[in-house]
Amino acid sequence: MGYAPWPNEAVAALRARGINGVAGNYDSTVATHYEHCGCRYEDPRQEQLAHASYAWTLEHTSADSKRWLGALPFSLTVRAKGGHQSGAKLVLVHGTPVLNTVYWHAERDDDFCRSMAEKAQLKAGDLIVFGHTHHPWSRVVDGMTFVNTGSVGRPKDGDARAGYVIAEHRDGAWQLEFVRCAYDVETTAAAIIAAGLPQEFAEYVRSGGARLDPL
């Protein structure tokens, strides 16, 4: 929802395609008119920009879109063999199994992963998928797989292409494919500026999160 000019269009596209998902921090805070977006601020300028984005998004997200966002689940669980058989499961959350505003970055140690796995009731062979940091990474701890998918709309790893992960359970194991997909970044950047959002957001998507200020 945040930092971009098409909140209602994004909701409409997901609804039209029947795509299931979980509530990100922007989704739940916009839906409930929370006091802020639950974002991390690295300096005062980023905090100022985040507040500007949140205020714009609150104003420009329709009541119908907010109702849909507010109904999104906190987490989703899928069993590889279907719900009628035991076996490996995939758990989808936005931030962590505790809160969707907590940053689960790659620097978190294995004990943090184990703690989150306990909260999600994971066992060896299971997979948990999350985002929020917009940095893709994966790790296996005690036979459990932890995957950060990165971000489709606002990558922060220096690669402007949309990022996502394909996870398949084959031959008793999870197979992961990290995918990057080029899109018309300039159209998005131009629409951000035309919407009256800060120009820094346009530079951010152009650079894949590498910079805020124009070169």
N, C-alpha and C. Protein backbone atom coordinates (compact mmCIF):
# COMPACT_ATOMS: atom_id res chain seq x y z
N MET A 1 0.80 -1.21 0.00
CA MET A 1 0.00 0.00 0.00
C MET A 1 0.84 1.26 0.00
N GLY A 2 1.99 1.24 0.65
CA GLY A 2 2.71 2.48 0.90
C GLY A 2 3.69 2.89 -0.18
N TYR A 3 4.01 4.19 -0.20
CA TYR A 3 5.08 4.77 -1.00
C TYR A 3 4.80 4.74 -2.51
N ALA A 4 3.59 4.42 -2.89
CA ALA A 4 3.28 4.26 -4.31
C ALA A 4 1.90 4.84 -4.62
N PRO A 5 1.60 5.13 -5.88
CA PRO A 5 0.41 5.90 -6.23
C PRO A 5 -0.86 5.10 -6.50
N TRP A 6 -0.83 3.76 -6.32
CA TRP A 6 -1.97 2.96 -6.76
C TRP A 6 -2.50 2.02 -5.68
N PRO A 7 -2.83 2.49 -4.49
CA PRO A 7 -3.31 1.55 -3.46
C PRO A 7 -4.61 0.86 -3.85
N ASN A 8 -5.56 1.60 -4.39
CA ASN A 8 -6.84 0.99 -4.75
C ASN A 8 -6.71 0.06 -5.95
N GLU A 9 -5.86 0.43 -6.89
CA GLU A 9 -5.65 -0.42 -8.06
C GLU A 9 -4.97 -1.74 -7.66
N ALA A 10 -4.05 -1.67 -6.70
CA ALA A 10 -3.40 -2.89 -6.23
C ALA A 10 -4.41 -3.82 -5.56
N VAL A 11 -5.26 -3.26 -4.72
CA VAL A 11 -6.30 -4.06 -4.08
C VAL A 11 -7.23 -4.67 -5.12
N ALA A 12 -7.65 -3.86 -6.09
CA ALA A 12 -8.57 -4.34 -7.12
C ALA A 12 -7.95 -5.49 -7.93
N ALA A 13 -6.66 -5.39 -8.23
CA ALA A 13 -6.00 -6.44 -9.01
C ALA A 13 -5.96 -7.75 -8.23
N LEU A 14 -5.64 -7.67 -6.94
CA LEU A 14 -5.60 -8.88 -6.11
C LEU A 14 -6.99 -9.50 -5.98
N ARG A 15 -7.99 -8.65 -5.77
CA ARG A 15 -9.35 -9.17 -5.62
C ARG A 15 -9.85 -9.80 -6.91
N ALA A 16 -9.56 -9.17 -8.04
CA ALA A 16 -10.04 -9.69 -9.32
C ALA A 16 -9.43 -11.05 -9.63
N ARG A 17 -8.19 -11.27 -9.18
CA ARG A 17 -7.50 -12.52 -9.46
C ARG A 17 -7.70 -13.56 -8.36
N GLY A 18 -8.38 -13.18 -7.29
CA GLY A 18 -8.61 -14.12 -6.20
C GLY A 18 -7.34 -14.56 -5.50
N ILE A 19 -6.38 -13.65 -5.39
CA ILE A 19 -5.08 -13.99 -4.79
C ILE A 19 -5.16 -13.87 -3.27
N ASN A 20 -4.85 -14.96 -2.60
CA ASN A 20 -4.82 -14.95 -1.14
C ASN A 20 -3.52 -14.34 -0.64
N GLY A 21 -3.57 -13.73 0.51
CA GLY A 21 -2.37 -13.15 1.09
C GLY A 21 -2.57 -12.83 2.55
N VAL A 22 -1.54 -12.30 3.17
CA VAL A 22 -1.61 -11.91 4.58
C VAL A 22 -1.46 -10.40 4.69
N ALA A 23 -1.84 -9.89 5.84
CA ALA A 23 -1.80 -8.44 6.07
C ALA A 23 -0.38 -7.98 6.37
N GLY A 24 0.15 -7.13 5.49
CA GLY A 24 1.40 -6.47 5.79
C GLY A 24 1.18 -5.34 6.78
N ASN A 25 2.27 -4.75 7.26
CA ASN A 25 2.12 -3.68 8.23
C ASN A 25 1.34 -2.50 7.67
N TYR A 26 1.59 -2.15 6.41
CA TYR A 26 0.84 -1.04 5.80
C TYR A 26 -0.62 -1.40 5.62
N ASP A 27 -0.89 -2.65 5.26
CA ASP A 27 -2.27 -3.07 5.06
C ASP A 27 -3.09 -2.92 6.34
N SER A 28 -2.54 -3.44 7.44
CA SER A 28 -3.30 -3.43 8.69
C SER A 28 -3.36 -2.04 9.31
N THR A 29 -2.29 -1.25 9.18
CA THR A 29 -2.33 0.08 9.79
C THR A 29 -3.23 1.04 9.01
N VAL A 30 -3.21 0.94 7.68
CA VAL A 30 -4.11 1.76 6.88
C VAL A 30 -5.56 1.36 7.13
N ALA A 31 -5.82 0.07 7.23
CA ALA A 31 -7.18 -0.42 7.44
C ALA A 31 -7.76 0.08 8.76
N THR A 32 -6.92 0.21 9.77
CA THR A 32 -7.39 0.58 11.10
C THR A 32 -7.10 2.04 11.46
N HIS A 33 -6.55 2.79 10.51
CA HIS A 33 -6.18 4.19 10.76
C HIS A 33 -5.26 4.31 11.98
N TYR A 34 -4.28 3.43 12.03
CA TYR A 34 -3.32 3.45 13.12
C TYR A 34 -2.49 4.74 13.05
N GLU A 35 -1.77 5.05 14.12
CA GLU A 35 -1.07 6.32 14.19
C GLU A 35 0.14 6.41 13.27
N HIS A 36 0.70 5.27 12.86
CA HIS A 36 1.83 5.27 11.93
C HIS A 36 1.84 3.92 11.22
N CYS A 37 2.79 3.76 10.29
CA CYS A 37 2.80 2.57 9.43
C CYS A 37 3.55 1.39 10.02
N GLY A 38 4.18 1.57 11.18
CA GLY A 38 4.96 0.49 11.75
C GLY A 38 6.29 0.28 11.05
N CYS A 39 6.80 1.33 10.40
CA CYS A 39 8.04 1.24 9.64
C CYS A 39 9.24 1.60 10.51
N ARG A 40 10.42 1.15 10.10
CA ARG A 40 11.66 1.49 10.79
C ARG A 40 12.27 2.73 10.15
N TYR A 41 12.75 3.65 10.98
CA TYR A 41 13.34 4.88 10.48
C TYR A 41 14.83 4.88 10.79
N GLU A 42 15.64 5.07 9.74
CA GLU A 42 17.09 5.07 9.93
C GLU A 42 17.63 6.47 10.23
N ASP A 43 16.87 7.49 9.89
CA ASP A 43 17.28 8.86 10.19
C ASP A 43 16.03 9.74 10.16
N PRO A 44 16.14 11.00 10.63
CA PRO A 44 14.97 11.87 10.69
C PRO A 44 14.31 12.12 9.33
N ARG A 45 15.10 12.17 8.26
CA ARG A 45 14.51 12.40 6.94
C ARG A 45 13.65 11.22 6.52
N GLN A 46 14.13 10.00 6.75
CA GLN A 46 13.33 8.83 6.42
C GLN A 46 12.04 8.78 7.25
N GLU A 47 12.12 9.19 8.49
CA GLU A 47 10.91 9.24 9.32
C GLU A 47 9.91 10.24 8.75
N GLN A 48 10.41 11.40 8.34
CA GLN A 48 9.54 12.42 7.75
C GLN A 48 8.87 11.90 6.47
N LEU A 49 9.65 11.24 5.64
CA LEU A 49 9.10 10.70 4.39
C LEU A 49 8.09 9.59 4.67
N ALA A 50 8.36 8.76 5.66
CA ALA A 50 7.43 7.68 5.99
C ALA A 50 6.10 8.24 6.45
N HIS A 51 6.14 9.29 7.25
CA HIS A 51 4.89 9.90 7.71
C HIS A 51 4.13 10.52 6.53
N ALA A 52 4.87 11.12 5.60
CA ALA A 52 4.23 11.70 4.42
C ALA A 52 3.55 10.62 3.59
N SER A 53 4.23 9.49 3.41
CA SER A 53 3.65 8.38 2.66
C SER A 53 2.40 7.86 3.34
N TYR A 54 2.47 7.69 4.64
CA TYR A 54 1.33 7.13 5.37
C TYR A 54 0.12 8.05 5.30
N ALA A 55 0.35 9.34 5.48
CA ALA A 55 -0.75 10.30 5.41
C ALA A 55 -1.39 10.29 4.02
N TRP A 56 -0.56 10.23 2.98
CA TRP A 56 -1.09 10.21 1.61
C TRP A 56 -1.91 8.94 1.37
N THR A 57 -1.38 7.81 1.83
CA THR A 57 -2.05 6.53 1.60
C THR A 57 -3.38 6.46 2.34
N LEU A 58 -3.40 6.94 3.58
CA LEU A 58 -4.66 6.98 4.33
C LEU A 58 -5.72 7.78 3.57
N GLU A 59 -5.31 8.91 3.02
CA GLU A 59 -6.25 9.80 2.34
C GLU A 59 -6.74 9.20 1.03
N HIS A 60 -5.88 8.47 0.33
CA HIS A 60 -6.21 8.04 -1.03
C HIS A 60 -6.64 6.58 -1.14
N THR A 61 -6.69 5.87 -0.03
CA THR A 61 -7.21 4.50 -0.04
C THR A 61 -8.70 4.55 0.29
N SER A 62 -9.50 3.97 -0.57
CA SER A 62 -10.95 4.05 -0.41
C SER A 62 -11.43 3.24 0.79
N ALA A 63 -12.62 3.55 1.25
CA ALA A 63 -13.21 2.83 2.37
C ALA A 63 -13.39 1.35 2.03
N ASP A 64 -13.76 1.07 0.79
CA ASP A 64 -13.94 -0.32 0.37
C ASP A 64 -12.61 -1.07 0.39
N SER A 65 -11.55 -0.43 -0.09
CA SER A 65 -10.23 -1.06 -0.05
C SER A 65 -9.78 -1.29 1.38
N LYS A 66 -10.05 -0.33 2.25
CA LYS A 66 -9.65 -0.48 3.66
C LYS A 66 -10.39 -1.65 4.31
N ARG A 67 -11.66 -1.82 3.97
CA ARG A 67 -12.41 -2.96 4.53
C ARG A 67 -11.79 -4.28 4.09
N TRP A 68 -11.40 -4.35 2.82
CA TRP A 68 -10.79 -5.58 2.31
C TRP A 68 -9.44 -5.82 2.99
N LEU A 69 -8.64 -4.77 3.12
CA LEU A 69 -7.34 -4.90 3.78
C LEU A 69 -7.51 -5.34 5.23
N GLY A 70 -8.51 -4.79 5.89
CA GLY A 70 -8.75 -5.13 7.29
C GLY A 70 -9.18 -6.57 7.50
N ALA A 71 -9.67 -7.21 6.45
CA ALA A 71 -10.11 -8.60 6.55
C ALA A 71 -9.01 -9.61 6.20
N LEU A 72 -7.85 -9.12 5.78
CA LEU A 72 -6.76 -10.03 5.45
C LEU A 72 -6.29 -10.77 6.70
N PRO A 73 -5.96 -12.05 6.59
CA PRO A 73 -5.49 -12.79 7.76
C PRO A 73 -4.08 -12.39 8.15
N PHE A 74 -3.75 -12.61 9.41
CA PHE A 74 -2.39 -12.34 9.89
C PHE A 74 -1.41 -13.35 9.33
N SER A 75 -1.85 -14.61 9.18
CA SER A 75 -0.98 -15.65 8.66
C SER A 75 -1.81 -16.65 7.85
N LEU A 76 -1.12 -17.41 7.02
CA LEU A 76 -1.73 -18.49 6.25
C LEU A 76 -0.86 -19.73 6.38
N THR A 77 -1.51 -20.88 6.47
CA THR A 77 -0.79 -22.15 6.54
C THR A 77 -1.28 -23.07 5.43
N VAL A 78 -0.33 -23.63 4.69
CA VAL A 78 -0.63 -24.57 3.60
C VAL A 78 0.13 -25.86 3.86
N ARG A 79 -0.54 -26.99 3.74
CA ARG A 79 0.13 -28.28 3.90
C ARG A 79 0.46 -28.85 2.52
N ALA A 80 1.67 -29.31 2.38
CA ALA A 80 2.15 -29.78 1.09
C ALA A 80 1.31 -30.96 0.57
N LYS A 81 0.80 -31.79 1.47
CA LYS A 81 0.02 -32.95 1.07
C LYS A 81 -1.49 -32.71 1.21
N GLY A 82 -1.88 -31.48 1.46
CA GLY A 82 -3.28 -31.21 1.68
C GLY A 82 -3.61 -31.29 3.16
N GLY A 83 -4.74 -30.70 3.55
CA GLY A 83 -5.07 -30.63 4.97
C GLY A 83 -5.45 -31.95 5.60
N HIS A 84 -5.73 -32.99 4.78
CA HIS A 84 -6.17 -34.27 5.34
C HIS A 84 -5.02 -35.20 5.64
N GLN A 85 -3.80 -34.79 5.32
CA GLN A 85 -2.62 -35.61 5.61
C GLN A 85 -1.59 -34.79 6.39
N SER A 86 -0.89 -35.47 7.28
CA SER A 86 0.21 -34.81 7.97
C SER A 86 1.39 -34.69 7.02
N GLY A 87 2.33 -33.87 7.39
CA GLY A 87 3.50 -33.68 6.53
C GLY A 87 3.96 -32.24 6.57
N ALA A 88 4.84 -31.90 5.64
CA ALA A 88 5.44 -30.57 5.63
C ALA A 88 4.39 -29.49 5.43
N LYS A 89 4.60 -28.36 6.06
CA LYS A 89 3.69 -27.24 5.89
C LYS A 89 4.47 -25.97 5.57
N LEU A 90 3.77 -25.06 4.94
CA LEU A 90 4.29 -23.73 4.62
C LEU A 90 3.47 -22.72 5.40
N VAL A 91 4.14 -21.88 6.16
CA VAL A 91 3.48 -20.81 6.92
C VAL A 91 3.89 -19.48 6.32
N LEU A 92 2.91 -18.64 6.05
CA LEU A 92 3.15 -17.33 5.44
C LEU A 92 2.77 -16.24 6.43
N VAL A 93 3.72 -15.36 6.74
CA VAL A 93 3.48 -14.17 7.57
C VAL A 93 4.14 -12.99 6.89
N HIS A 94 3.87 -11.80 7.39
CA HIS A 94 4.51 -10.62 6.78
C HIS A 94 5.84 -10.30 7.45
N GLY A 95 5.83 -10.17 8.77
CA GLY A 95 7.06 -9.84 9.50
C GLY A 95 7.58 -11.03 10.26
N THR A 96 6.86 -11.41 11.31
CA THR A 96 7.16 -12.60 12.11
C THR A 96 5.83 -13.22 12.54
N PRO A 97 5.87 -14.41 13.14
CA PRO A 97 4.63 -15.00 13.65
C PRO A 97 4.04 -14.26 14.84
N VAL A 98 4.78 -13.28 15.36
CA VAL A 98 4.32 -12.52 16.53
C VAL A 98 3.69 -11.20 16.13
N LEU A 99 4.39 -10.44 15.30
CA LEU A 99 3.92 -9.13 14.84
C LEU A 99 4.31 -8.94 13.37
N ASN A 100 3.49 -8.18 12.63
CA ASN A 100 3.86 -7.93 11.23
C ASN A 100 4.73 -6.69 11.08
N THR A 101 5.13 -6.09 12.19
CA THR A 101 6.00 -4.91 12.15
C THR A 101 7.43 -5.20 12.58
N VAL A 102 7.73 -6.44 12.96
CA VAL A 102 9.08 -6.80 13.41
C VAL A 102 9.93 -7.18 12.20
N TYR A 103 11.15 -6.64 12.15
CA TYR A 103 12.05 -6.88 11.02
C TYR A 103 12.87 -8.16 11.25
N TRP A 104 12.64 -9.14 10.39
CA TRP A 104 13.37 -10.40 10.45
C TRP A 104 14.41 -10.37 9.34
N HIS A 105 15.52 -9.70 9.61
CA HIS A 105 16.56 -9.54 8.61
C HIS A 105 17.57 -10.69 8.71
N ALA A 106 18.43 -10.78 7.71
CA ALA A 106 19.36 -11.90 7.62
C ALA A 106 20.37 -11.93 8.76
N GLU A 107 20.55 -10.80 9.45
CA GLU A 107 21.50 -10.74 10.56
C GLU A 107 20.95 -11.37 11.83
N ARG A 108 19.66 -11.66 11.85
CA ARG A 108 19.10 -12.37 13.01
C ARG A 108 19.78 -13.73 13.13
N ASP A 109 20.11 -14.13 14.37
CA ASP A 109 20.84 -15.38 14.53
C ASP A 109 19.90 -16.58 14.52
N ASP A 110 20.50 -17.77 14.56
CA ASP A 110 19.72 -19.00 14.50
C ASP A 110 18.76 -19.13 15.68
N ASP A 111 19.16 -18.63 16.83
CA ASP A 111 18.27 -18.73 17.98
C ASP A 111 17.01 -17.89 17.79
N PHE A 112 17.13 -16.76 17.11
CA PHE A 112 15.93 -15.97 16.80
C PHE A 112 15.02 -16.78 15.88
N CYS A 113 15.62 -17.42 14.88
CA CYS A 113 14.83 -18.26 13.97
C CYS A 113 14.14 -19.38 14.73
N ARG A 114 14.86 -20.00 15.64
CA ARG A 114 14.25 -21.07 16.44
C ARG A 114 13.09 -20.54 17.28
N SER A 115 13.27 -19.35 17.84
CA SER A 115 12.20 -18.75 18.64
C SER A 115 10.96 -18.50 17.81
N MET A 116 11.15 -17.97 16.59
CA MET A 116 10.01 -17.70 15.71
C MET A 116 9.37 -19.01 15.24
N ALA A 117 10.21 -20.03 15.03
CA ALA A 117 9.68 -21.34 14.63
C ALA A 117 8.79 -21.91 15.72
N GLU A 118 9.19 -21.73 16.96
CA GLU A 118 8.37 -22.22 18.08
C GLU A 118 7.02 -21.49 18.11
N LYS A 119 7.05 -20.18 17.87
CA LYS A 119 5.81 -19.41 17.86
C LYS A 119 4.88 -19.89 16.75
N ALA A 120 5.45 -20.30 15.62
CA ALA A 120 4.65 -20.75 14.48
C ALA A 120 4.37 -22.24 14.52
N GLN A 121 4.86 -22.91 15.57
CA GLN A 121 4.67 -24.35 15.75
C GLN A 121 5.24 -25.14 14.56
N LEU A 122 6.45 -24.76 14.16
CA LEU A 122 7.12 -25.45 13.06
C LEU A 122 7.89 -26.66 13.57
N LYS A 123 8.15 -27.58 12.67
CA LYS A 123 8.99 -28.73 12.95
C LYS A 123 9.93 -28.93 11.76
N ALA A 124 10.86 -29.83 11.90
CA ALA A 124 11.79 -30.12 10.79
C ALA A 124 11.00 -30.50 9.55
N GLY A 125 11.39 -29.93 8.43
CA GLY A 125 10.69 -30.16 7.17
C GLY A 125 9.72 -29.06 6.79
N ASP A 126 9.41 -28.18 7.73
CA ASP A 126 8.47 -27.08 7.46
C ASP A 126 9.19 -25.86 6.89
N LEU A 127 8.41 -24.98 6.30
CA LEU A 127 8.91 -23.76 5.67
C LEU A 127 8.11 -22.57 6.18
N ILE A 128 8.79 -21.51 6.56
CA ILE A 128 8.10 -20.26 6.90
C ILE A 128 8.60 -19.17 5.96
N VAL A 129 7.66 -18.40 5.42
CA VAL A 129 7.95 -17.37 4.43
C VAL A 129 7.49 -16.03 4.98
N PHE A 130 8.32 -15.00 4.80
CA PHE A 130 8.00 -13.68 5.33
C PHE A 130 8.63 -12.61 4.46
N GLY A 131 8.43 -11.35 4.82
CA GLY A 131 8.96 -10.25 4.03
C GLY A 131 9.37 -9.10 4.94
N HIS A 132 8.74 -7.95 4.76
CA HIS A 132 8.86 -6.75 5.59
C HIS A 132 10.20 -6.01 5.45
N THR A 133 11.33 -6.74 5.42
CA THR A 133 12.61 -6.05 5.26
C THR A 133 12.88 -5.68 3.81
N HIS A 134 12.20 -6.34 2.86
CA HIS A 134 12.38 -6.13 1.42
C HIS A 134 13.75 -6.59 0.94
N HIS A 135 14.42 -7.44 1.73
CA HIS A 135 15.72 -8.03 1.37
C HIS A 135 15.55 -9.54 1.29
N PRO A 136 15.78 -10.17 0.12
CA PRO A 136 15.61 -11.62 0.02
C PRO A 136 16.77 -12.39 0.63
N TRP A 137 16.44 -13.47 1.33
CA TRP A 137 17.45 -14.39 1.84
C TRP A 137 16.77 -15.68 2.30
N SER A 138 17.55 -16.71 2.53
CA SER A 138 17.01 -17.96 3.05
C SER A 138 18.04 -18.64 3.93
N ARG A 139 17.55 -19.55 4.79
CA ARG A 139 18.42 -20.27 5.71
C ARG A 139 17.70 -21.53 6.17
N VAL A 140 18.45 -22.57 6.45
CA VAL A 140 17.89 -23.78 7.05
C VAL A 140 18.48 -23.93 8.45
N VAL A 141 17.60 -24.07 9.44
CA VAL A 141 18.01 -24.26 10.82
C VAL A 141 17.25 -25.45 11.39
N ASP A 142 17.97 -26.44 11.88
CA ASP A 142 17.35 -27.63 12.48
C ASP A 142 16.33 -28.27 11.53
N GLY A 143 16.63 -28.26 10.25
CA GLY A 143 15.75 -28.88 9.28
C GLY A 143 14.56 -28.03 8.86
N MET A 144 14.41 -26.84 9.45
CA MET A 144 13.33 -25.91 9.08
C MET A 144 13.88 -24.85 8.15
N THR A 145 13.09 -24.47 7.15
CA THR A 145 13.54 -23.51 6.15
C THR A 145 12.89 -22.15 6.39
N PHE A 146 13.73 -21.13 6.37
CA PHE A 146 13.29 -19.75 6.61
C PHE A 146 13.59 -18.93 5.35
N VAL A 147 12.57 -18.26 4.82
CA VAL A 147 12.73 -17.55 3.55
C VAL A 147 12.14 -16.15 3.64
N ASN A 148 12.96 -15.16 3.32
CA ASN A 148 12.47 -13.81 3.12
C ASN A 148 12.35 -13.61 1.61
N THR A 149 11.15 -13.25 1.15
CA THR A 149 10.88 -13.19 -0.29
C THR A 149 11.40 -11.93 -0.96
N GLY A 150 11.85 -10.95 -0.18
CA GLY A 150 12.16 -9.66 -0.79
C GLY A 150 10.88 -8.88 -1.04
N SER A 151 10.82 -8.12 -2.12
CA SER A 151 9.66 -7.26 -2.37
C SER A 151 9.39 -7.15 -3.86
N VAL A 152 8.12 -7.20 -4.21
CA VAL A 152 7.72 -6.94 -5.60
C VAL A 152 7.77 -5.45 -5.89
N GLY A 153 7.18 -4.64 -5.02
CA GLY A 153 6.98 -3.23 -5.35
C GLY A 153 8.05 -2.27 -4.90
N ARG A 154 8.83 -2.63 -3.88
CA ARG A 154 9.80 -1.67 -3.36
C ARG A 154 11.04 -2.40 -2.83
N PRO A 155 11.81 -3.03 -3.72
CA PRO A 155 13.02 -3.73 -3.28
C PRO A 155 13.99 -2.78 -2.58
N LYS A 156 14.76 -3.33 -1.64
CA LYS A 156 15.74 -2.53 -0.91
C LYS A 156 17.14 -3.12 -0.98
N ASP A 157 17.37 -4.02 -1.96
CA ASP A 157 18.67 -4.67 -2.04
C ASP A 157 19.51 -4.15 -3.19
N GLY A 158 19.12 -3.00 -3.77
CA GLY A 158 19.89 -2.42 -4.86
C GLY A 158 19.52 -2.93 -6.23
N ASP A 159 18.54 -3.82 -6.32
CA ASP A 159 18.07 -4.36 -7.59
C ASP A 159 16.64 -3.89 -7.79
N ALA A 160 16.41 -3.04 -8.79
CA ALA A 160 15.10 -2.42 -8.97
C ALA A 160 14.03 -3.38 -9.47
N ARG A 161 14.42 -4.55 -9.94
CA ARG A 161 13.44 -5.50 -10.45
C ARG A 161 12.57 -6.05 -9.32
N ALA A 162 11.32 -6.37 -9.66
CA ALA A 162 10.43 -7.01 -8.70
C ALA A 162 11.03 -8.35 -8.27
N GLY A 163 10.85 -8.70 -7.00
CA GLY A 163 11.40 -9.94 -6.49
C GLY A 163 10.35 -10.79 -5.81
N TYR A 164 10.42 -12.09 -6.04
CA TYR A 164 9.53 -13.02 -5.36
C TYR A 164 10.18 -14.40 -5.33
N VAL A 165 9.54 -15.34 -4.65
CA VAL A 165 10.09 -16.68 -4.49
C VAL A 165 9.04 -17.71 -4.90
N ILE A 166 9.48 -18.71 -5.63
CA ILE A 166 8.64 -19.87 -5.92
C ILE A 166 9.12 -21.01 -5.00
N ALA A 167 8.19 -21.55 -4.21
CA ALA A 167 8.51 -22.65 -3.29
C ALA A 167 7.71 -23.87 -3.69
N GLU A 168 8.40 -24.97 -3.93
CA GLU A 168 7.74 -26.23 -4.28
C GLU A 168 8.26 -27.34 -3.37
N HIS A 169 7.35 -28.20 -2.96
CA HIS A 169 7.74 -29.34 -2.14
C HIS A 169 7.85 -30.57 -3.04
N ARG A 170 9.08 -31.02 -3.28
CA ARG A 170 9.33 -32.14 -4.18
C ARG A 170 10.29 -33.12 -3.53
N ASP A 171 9.98 -34.40 -3.67
CA ASP A 171 10.86 -35.46 -3.17
C ASP A 171 11.18 -35.27 -1.69
N GLY A 172 10.17 -34.82 -0.95
CA GLY A 172 10.32 -34.69 0.50
C GLY A 172 11.08 -33.47 0.97
N ALA A 173 11.33 -32.51 0.08
CA ALA A 173 12.09 -31.32 0.47
C ALA A 173 11.54 -30.09 -0.24
N TRP A 174 11.80 -28.94 0.36
CA TRP A 174 11.38 -27.68 -0.25
C TRP A 174 12.43 -27.22 -1.26
N GLN A 175 11.98 -26.91 -2.47
CA GLN A 175 12.84 -26.36 -3.51
C GLN A 175 12.48 -24.89 -3.70
N LEU A 176 13.47 -24.02 -3.61
CA LEU A 176 13.24 -22.57 -3.68
C LEU A 176 13.86 -21.99 -4.94
N GLU A 177 13.13 -21.08 -5.56
CA GLU A 177 13.66 -20.33 -6.69
C GLU A 177 13.42 -18.85 -6.45
N PHE A 178 14.50 -18.10 -6.29
CA PHE A 178 14.41 -16.65 -6.14
C PHE A 178 14.34 -16.04 -7.54
N VAL A 179 13.30 -15.28 -7.80
CA VAL A 179 13.03 -14.76 -9.14
C VAL A 179 13.09 -13.23 -9.11
N ARG A 180 13.71 -12.64 -10.12
CA ARG A 180 13.67 -11.20 -10.32
C ARG A 180 13.04 -10.93 -11.68
N CYS A 181 12.15 -9.94 -11.72
CA CYS A 181 11.36 -9.67 -12.91
C CYS A 181 11.42 -8.18 -13.23
N ALA A 182 11.93 -7.85 -14.42
CA ALA A 182 12.00 -6.45 -14.84
C ALA A 182 10.60 -5.92 -15.16
N TYR A 183 10.38 -4.66 -14.86
CA TYR A 183 9.12 -4.00 -15.21
C TYR A 183 9.43 -2.54 -15.53
N ASP A 184 8.43 -1.81 -15.94
CA ASP A 184 8.62 -0.42 -16.36
C ASP A 184 8.73 0.48 -15.13
N VAL A 185 9.92 0.55 -14.58
CA VAL A 185 10.16 1.33 -13.36
C VAL A 185 9.86 2.81 -13.60
N GLU A 186 10.19 3.31 -14.78
CA GLU A 186 10.01 4.74 -15.05
C GLU A 186 8.54 5.14 -15.02
N THR A 187 7.66 4.26 -15.48
CA THR A 187 6.22 4.56 -15.40
C THR A 187 5.79 4.70 -13.95
N THR A 188 6.28 3.82 -13.10
CA THR A 188 5.97 3.90 -11.68
C THR A 188 6.55 5.17 -11.07
N ALA A 189 7.80 5.47 -11.38
CA ALA A 189 8.45 6.66 -10.84
C ALA A 189 7.69 7.93 -11.26
N ALA A 190 7.29 7.99 -12.52
CA ALA A 190 6.54 9.16 -13.01
C ALA A 190 5.19 9.28 -12.32
N ALA A 191 4.53 8.14 -12.08
CA ALA A 191 3.23 8.17 -11.41
C ALA A 191 3.36 8.59 -9.95
N ILE A 192 4.44 8.21 -9.32
CA ILE A 192 4.70 8.64 -7.93
C ILE A 192 4.78 10.16 -7.87
N ILE A 193 5.55 10.74 -8.77
CA ILE A 193 5.72 12.19 -8.79
C ILE A 193 4.41 12.88 -9.16
N ALA A 194 3.69 12.35 -10.15
CA ALA A 194 2.42 12.94 -10.58
C ALA A 194 1.37 12.92 -9.47
N ALA A 195 1.46 11.92 -8.60
CA ALA A 195 0.50 11.81 -7.50
C ALA A 195 0.76 12.80 -6.38
N GLY A 196 1.89 13.48 -6.44
CA GLY A 196 2.24 14.43 -5.39
C GLY A 196 3.03 13.83 -4.25
N LEU A 197 3.44 12.58 -4.42
CA LEU A 197 4.29 11.94 -3.42
C LEU A 197 5.72 12.47 -3.55
N PRO A 198 6.53 12.38 -2.49
CA PRO A 198 7.90 12.90 -2.57
C PRO A 198 8.71 12.27 -3.69
N GLN A 199 9.53 13.09 -4.34
CA GLN A 199 10.36 12.59 -5.44
C GLN A 199 11.33 11.53 -4.96
N GLU A 200 11.68 11.56 -3.67
CA GLU A 200 12.60 10.55 -3.14
C GLU A 200 12.07 9.14 -3.36
N PHE A 201 10.74 8.97 -3.32
CA PHE A 201 10.17 7.64 -3.51
C PHE A 201 10.42 7.14 -4.94
N ALA A 202 10.39 8.06 -5.89
CA ALA A 202 10.69 7.69 -7.28
C ALA A 202 12.14 7.25 -7.41
N GLU A 203 13.05 7.98 -6.77
CA GLU A 203 14.46 7.60 -6.83
C GLU A 203 14.69 6.26 -6.15
N TYR A 204 13.93 6.00 -5.12
CA TYR A 204 14.09 4.75 -4.38
C TYR A 204 13.74 3.54 -5.24
N VAL A 205 12.62 3.62 -5.97
CA VAL A 205 12.26 2.48 -6.82
C VAL A 205 13.20 2.36 -8.01
N ARG A 206 13.68 3.50 -8.52
CA ARG A 206 14.65 3.45 -9.63
C ARG A 206 15.94 2.74 -9.24
N SER A 207 16.36 2.94 -8.00
CA SER A 207 17.66 2.42 -7.55
C SER A 207 17.53 1.12 -6.78
N GLY A 208 16.32 0.59 -6.65
CA GLY A 208 16.15 -0.62 -5.85
C GLY A 208 16.49 -0.42 -4.39
N GLY A 209 16.21 0.78 -3.91
CA GLY A 209 16.47 1.08 -2.51
C GLY A 209 17.88 1.55 -2.19
N ALA A 210 18.69 1.75 -3.23
CA ALA A 210 20.08 2.14 -2.99
C ALA A 210 20.21 3.62 -2.65
N ARG A 211 19.22 4.43 -3.07
CA ARG A 211 19.34 5.85 -2.79
C ARG A 211 17.93 6.48 -2.72
N LEU A 212 17.89 7.59 -1.99
CA LEU A 212 16.69 8.41 -1.92
C LEU A 212 16.84 9.68 -2.74
N ASP A 213 18.02 10.26 -2.71
CA ASP A 213 18.23 11.55 -3.35
C ASP A 213 18.58 11.39 -4.83
N PRO A 214 18.09 12.29 -5.67
CA PRO A 214 18.44 12.24 -7.11
C PRO A 214 19.95 12.39 -7.30
N LEU A 215 20.47 11.70 -8.30
CA LEU A 215 21.90 11.81 -8.60
C LEU A 215 22.21 13.15 -9.25
